[in-house]
Amino acid sequence: MINYLHDFKPGANHSDIATVEQALAVKFPEDLIAFWNKHQGGWPENDIFGYTDMYGVDNDGQMMSFLLLNEREGEMVHKTLSFRREGRILECHVIIADEAGGHKILYNSNDGKIYVWDHENEDVVPQNCYLIGDNFTHFFNDVLYRIET
């Protein structure tokens, strides 16, 4: 299944992405770079994903929007660095999106996978990070879906 994104802004250039990588001390994979070359922010048409939490309970999450690649307050660099300084996420985590229930969508630079970060259990990081995609392409095209009513 191919997902569709409602864009906030046109894509970022390689220089912008390299600046973000340097600011966050990570190297992004090609699929995430290709996504950002086309899109900056935005929300997916198919926005529901499933995950199993630390208690073994199956949950549905709703993807709200991807963050913009800049250092303004509330955007990717600022938000990621703030959460790292506060010990809310690990140094290998990058917040790439917001989830409807207050959780965050993370890229893990150590394993290249996508996780949902549970804000209600943030005192036990990284056990509060639940795998939702083997990589970004898998998450965006195969995991996100819409529940038909």
C-alpha atoms as a PDB file:
ATOM      1  CA  MET A   1       0.000   0.000   0.000  1.00  0.00           C
ATOM      2  CA  ILE A   2       1.286   3.474  -0.817  1.00  0.00           C
ATOM      3  CA  ASN A   3       0.457   6.211   1.663  1.00  0.00           C
ATOM      4  CA  TYR A   4      -0.239   9.814   0.734  1.00  0.00           C
ATOM      5  CA  LEU A   5       1.030  12.841   2.669  1.00  0.00           C
ATOM      6  CA  HIS A   6      -0.660  16.233   2.963  1.00  0.00           C
ATOM      7  CA  ASP A   7       2.387  18.531   2.950  1.00  0.00           C
ATOM      8  CA  PHE A   8       3.023  21.561   5.129  1.00  0.00           C
ATOM      9  CA  LYS A   9       5.997  22.759   3.052  1.00  0.00           C
ATOM     10  CA  PRO A  10       8.064  21.641   0.066  1.00  0.00           C
ATOM     11  CA  GLY A  11      10.909  19.228   0.681  1.00  0.00           C
ATOM     12  CA  ALA A  12      14.285  19.962   2.228  1.00  0.00           C
ATOM     13  CA  ASN A  13      17.539  20.016   0.312  1.00  0.00           C
ATOM     14  CA  HIS A  14      20.546  17.855   1.160  1.00  0.00           C
ATOM     15  CA  SER A  15      22.284  20.777   2.883  1.00  0.00           C
ATOM     16  CA  ASP A  16      19.324  21.279   5.249  1.00  0.00           C
ATOM     17  CA  ILE A  17      19.248  17.572   6.065  1.00  0.00           C
ATOM     18  CA  ALA A  18      23.028  17.502   6.643  1.00  0.00           C
ATOM     19  CA  THR A  19      22.662  20.446   9.052  1.00  0.00           C
ATOM     20  CA  VAL A  20      20.018  18.523  11.027  1.00  0.00           C
ATOM     21  CA  GLU A  21      22.215  15.406  11.078  1.00  0.00           C
ATOM     22  CA  GLN A  22      25.101  17.462  12.440  1.00  0.00           C
ATOM     23  CA  ALA A  23      22.947  19.206  15.066  1.00  0.00           C
ATOM     24  CA  LEU A  24      21.568  15.864  16.292  1.00  0.00           C
ATOM     25  CA  ALA A  25      24.814  13.868  15.822  1.00  0.00           C
ATOM     26  CA  VAL A  26      23.114  11.160  13.748  1.00  0.00           C
ATOM     27  CA  LYS A  27      23.247   9.848  10.191  1.00  0.00           C
ATOM     28  CA  PHE A  28      19.837   9.369   8.591  1.00  0.00           C
ATOM     29  CA  PRO A  29      19.111   6.434   6.249  1.00  0.00           C
ATOM     30  CA  GLU A  30      18.476   6.963   2.552  1.00  0.00           C
ATOM     31  CA  ASP A  31      14.722   6.296   2.774  1.00  0.00           C
ATOM     32  CA  LEU A  32      14.228   8.999   5.413  1.00  0.00           C
ATOM     33  CA  ILE A  33      16.402  11.442   3.438  1.00  0.00           C
ATOM     34  CA  ALA A  34      14.386  10.697   0.280  1.00  0.00           C
ATOM     35  CA  PHE A  35      11.170  11.365   2.221  1.00  0.00           C
ATOM     36  CA  TRP A  36      12.468  14.723   3.487  1.00  0.00           C
ATOM     37  CA  ASN A  37      13.658  15.664  -0.019  1.00  0.00           C
ATOM     38  CA  LYS A  38       9.976  15.542  -1.001  1.00  0.00           C
ATOM     39  CA  HIS A  39       8.182  16.556   2.216  1.00  0.00           C
ATOM     40  CA  GLN A  40       8.568  18.861   5.208  1.00  0.00           C
ATOM     41  CA  GLY A  41       5.993  18.261   7.861  1.00  0.00           C
ATOM     42  CA  GLY A  42       2.532  17.162   6.883  1.00  0.00           C
ATOM     43  CA  TRP A  43       0.100  14.491   7.893  1.00  0.00           C
ATOM     44  CA  PRO A  44      -0.484  11.096   6.301  1.00  0.00           C
ATOM     45  CA  GLU A  45      -3.753  10.084   4.668  1.00  0.00           C
ATOM     46  CA  ASN A  46      -3.461   6.671   6.322  1.00  0.00           C
ATOM     47  CA  ASP A  47      -2.710   7.538   9.915  1.00  0.00           C
ATOM     48  CA  ILE A  48      -3.551   4.620  12.235  1.00  0.00           C
ATOM     49  CA  PHE A  49      -0.925   2.185  13.495  1.00  0.00           C
ATOM     50  CA  GLY A  50      -0.927  -0.652  15.976  1.00  0.00           C
ATOM     51  CA  TYR A  51       1.608  -1.388  18.682  1.00  0.00           C
ATOM     52  CA  THR A  52       2.016  -3.523  21.760  1.00  0.00           C
ATOM     53  CA  ASP A  53       2.976  -1.678  24.931  1.00  0.00           C
ATOM     54  CA  MET A  54       5.331  -2.746  27.727  1.00  0.00           C
ATOM     55  CA  TYR A  55       2.458  -4.547  29.486  1.00  0.00           C
ATOM     56  CA  GLY A  56       1.629  -6.661  26.432  1.00  0.00           C
ATOM     57  CA  VAL A  57      -1.518  -4.663  25.645  1.00  0.00           C
ATOM     58  CA  ASP A  58      -2.327  -4.038  21.976  1.00  0.00           C
ATOM     59  CA  ASN A  59      -3.064  -0.397  21.192  1.00  0.00           C
ATOM     60  CA  ASP A  60      -3.904   1.786  18.220  1.00  0.00           C
ATOM     61  CA  GLY A  61      -2.010   5.024  17.713  1.00  0.00           C
ATOM     62  CA  GLN A  62      -2.904   7.870  15.405  1.00  0.00           C
ATOM     63  CA  MET A  63      -0.163   9.672  13.549  1.00  0.00           C
ATOM     64  CA  MET A  64      -0.730  13.431  13.766  1.00  0.00           C
ATOM     65  CA  SER A  65       2.025  15.147  11.801  1.00  0.00           C
ATOM     66  CA  PHE A  66       5.673  14.987  10.907  1.00  0.00           C
ATOM     67  CA  LEU A  67       7.865  17.694  12.387  1.00  0.00           C
ATOM     68  CA  LEU A  68       9.586  20.331  10.288  1.00  0.00           C
ATOM     69  CA  LEU A  69      13.373  20.028   9.924  1.00  0.00           C
ATOM     70  CA  ASN A  70      14.421  23.168  11.722  1.00  0.00           C
ATOM     71  CA  GLU A  71      15.531  24.460  15.085  1.00  0.00           C
ATOM     72  CA  ARG A  72      12.457  26.525  15.944  1.00  0.00           C
ATOM     73  CA  GLU A  73      10.717  25.662  19.179  1.00  0.00           C
ATOM     74  CA  GLY A  74       8.453  22.656  18.766  1.00  0.00           C
ATOM     75  CA  GLU A  75      10.185  21.377  15.639  1.00  0.00           C
ATOM     76  CA  MET A  76      12.528  18.421  15.114  1.00  0.00           C
ATOM     77  CA  VAL A  77      15.933  19.694  16.261  1.00  0.00           C
ATOM     78  CA  HIS A  78      14.654  21.747  19.189  1.00  0.00           C
ATOM     79  CA  LYS A  79      12.228  19.103  20.405  1.00  0.00           C
ATOM     80  CA  THR A  80      14.739  16.243  20.090  1.00  0.00           C
ATOM     81  CA  LEU A  81      17.541  18.127  21.866  1.00  0.00           C
ATOM     82  CA  SER A  82      15.169  19.256  24.652  1.00  0.00           C
ATOM     83  CA  PHE A  83      13.922  15.706  25.247  1.00  0.00           C
ATOM     84  CA  ARG A  84      17.516  14.390  25.251  1.00  0.00           C
ATOM     85  CA  ARG A  85      18.700  17.034  27.757  1.00  0.00           C
ATOM     86  CA  GLU A  86      15.786  16.188  30.043  1.00  0.00           C
ATOM     87  CA  GLY A  87      16.591  12.447  29.839  1.00  0.00           C
ATOM     88  CA  ARG A  88      13.219  11.694  28.289  1.00  0.00           C
ATOM     89  CA  ILE A  89      14.737   9.955  25.236  1.00  0.00           C
ATOM     90  CA  LEU A  90      18.124   8.417  24.462  1.00  0.00           C
ATOM     91  CA  GLU A  91      20.899  10.101  22.462  1.00  0.00           C
ATOM     92  CA  CYS A  92      20.170   7.743  19.549  1.00  0.00           C
ATOM     93  CA  HIS A  93      16.529   8.896  19.332  1.00  0.00           C
ATOM     94  CA  VAL A  94      15.230  11.562  16.967  1.00  0.00           C
ATOM     95  CA  ILE A  95      11.630  12.748  17.280  1.00  0.00           C
ATOM     96  CA  ILE A  96      10.231  12.764  13.747  1.00  0.00           C
ATOM     97  CA  ALA A  97       6.494  13.109  14.399  1.00  0.00           C
ATOM     98  CA  ASP A  98       3.717  13.634  16.916  1.00  0.00           C
ATOM     99  CA  GLU A  99       1.070  11.066  17.796  1.00  0.00           C
ATOM    100  CA  ALA A 100      -2.506  12.068  18.707  1.00  0.00           C
ATOM    101  CA  GLY A 101      -2.361  10.819  22.301  1.00  0.00           C
ATOM    102  CA  GLY A 102       0.737  12.822  23.221  1.00  0.00           C
ATOM    103  CA  HIS A 103       3.220  10.114  22.299  1.00  0.00           C
ATOM    104  CA  LYS A 104       6.078  10.776  19.865  1.00  0.00           C
ATOM    105  CA  ILE A 105       7.279   8.874  16.801  1.00  0.00           C
ATOM    106  CA  LEU A 106      11.032   8.236  17.008  1.00  0.00           C
ATOM    107  CA  TYR A 107      13.756   7.238  14.608  1.00  0.00           C
ATOM    108  CA  ASN A 108      16.438   5.191  16.402  1.00  0.00           C
ATOM    109  CA  SER A 109      19.832   5.894  14.835  1.00  0.00           C
ATOM    110  CA  ASN A 110      21.362   2.783  16.446  1.00  0.00           C
ATOM    111  CA  ASP A 111      19.125   0.262  14.681  1.00  0.00           C
ATOM    112  CA  GLY A 112      17.374   2.334  11.975  1.00  0.00           C
ATOM    113  CA  LYS A 113      13.922   1.372  13.257  1.00  0.00           C
ATOM    114  CA  ILE A 114      10.855   3.469  14.059  1.00  0.00           C
ATOM    115  CA  TYR A 115       9.310   3.474  17.537  1.00  0.00           C
ATOM    116  CA  VAL A 116       6.407   5.077  19.342  1.00  0.00           C
ATOM    117  CA  TRP A 117       7.521   6.725  22.599  1.00  0.00           C
ATOM    118  CA  ASP A 118       4.970   6.420  25.424  1.00  0.00           C
ATOM    119  CA  HIS A 119       4.817   9.671  27.397  1.00  0.00           C
ATOM    120  CA  GLU A 120       2.882   8.009  30.228  1.00  0.00           C
ATOM    121  CA  ASN A 121       5.841   5.716  30.987  1.00  0.00           C
ATOM    122  CA  GLU A 122       8.728   8.057  30.194  1.00  0.00           C
ATOM    123  CA  ASP A 123      10.441   7.300  33.497  1.00  0.00           C
ATOM    124  CA  VAL A 124      11.496   3.894  32.107  1.00  0.00           C
ATOM    125  CA  VAL A 125      13.116   4.876  28.806  1.00  0.00           C
ATOM    126  CA  PRO A 126      13.809   2.882  26.595  1.00  0.00           C
ATOM    127  CA  GLN A 127      11.272   0.275  27.753  1.00  0.00           C
ATOM    128  CA  ASN A 128       8.600   2.868  26.903  1.00  0.00           C
ATOM    129  CA  CYS A 129       9.610   2.806  23.211  1.00  0.00           C
ATOM    130  CA  TYR A 130       7.611   0.289  21.204  1.00  0.00           C
ATOM    131  CA  LEU A 131       8.687  -0.911  17.770  1.00  0.00           C
ATOM    132  CA  ILE A 132       6.322   0.144  14.977  1.00  0.00           C
ATOM    133  CA  GLY A 133       8.476  -0.102  11.846  1.00  0.00           C
ATOM    134  CA  ASP A 134      11.555  -1.990  10.675  1.00  0.00           C
ATOM    135  CA  ASN A 135      12.587   1.219   8.862  1.00  0.00           C
ATOM    136  CA  PHE A 136      10.908   4.455   7.772  1.00  0.00           C
ATOM    137  CA  THR A 137       9.588   3.097   4.467  1.00  0.00           C
ATOM    138  CA  HIS A 138       8.058   0.097   6.240  1.00  0.00           C
ATOM    139  CA  PHE A 139       6.402   2.376   8.802  1.00  0.00           C
ATOM    140  CA  PHE A 140       5.047   4.910   6.297  1.00  0.00           C
ATOM    141  CA  ASN A 141       3.876   2.552   3.543  1.00  0.00           C
ATOM    142  CA  ASP A 142       3.041  -0.691   5.353  1.00  0.00           C
ATOM    143  CA  VAL A 143       2.281   0.070   9.006  1.00  0.00           C
ATOM    144  CA  LEU A 144       0.191   3.228   8.756  1.00  0.00           C
ATOM    145  CA  TYR A 145      -3.334   2.466   7.651  1.00  0.00           C
ATOM    146  CA  ARG A 146      -6.810   3.859   7.928  1.00  0.00           C
ATOM    147  CA  ILE A 147      -9.589   2.019   9.714  1.00  0.00           C
ATOM    148  CA  GLU A 148     -12.561   1.972   7.375  1.00  0.00           C
ATOM    149  CA  THR A 149     -15.923   2.524   9.042  1.00  0.00           C
END
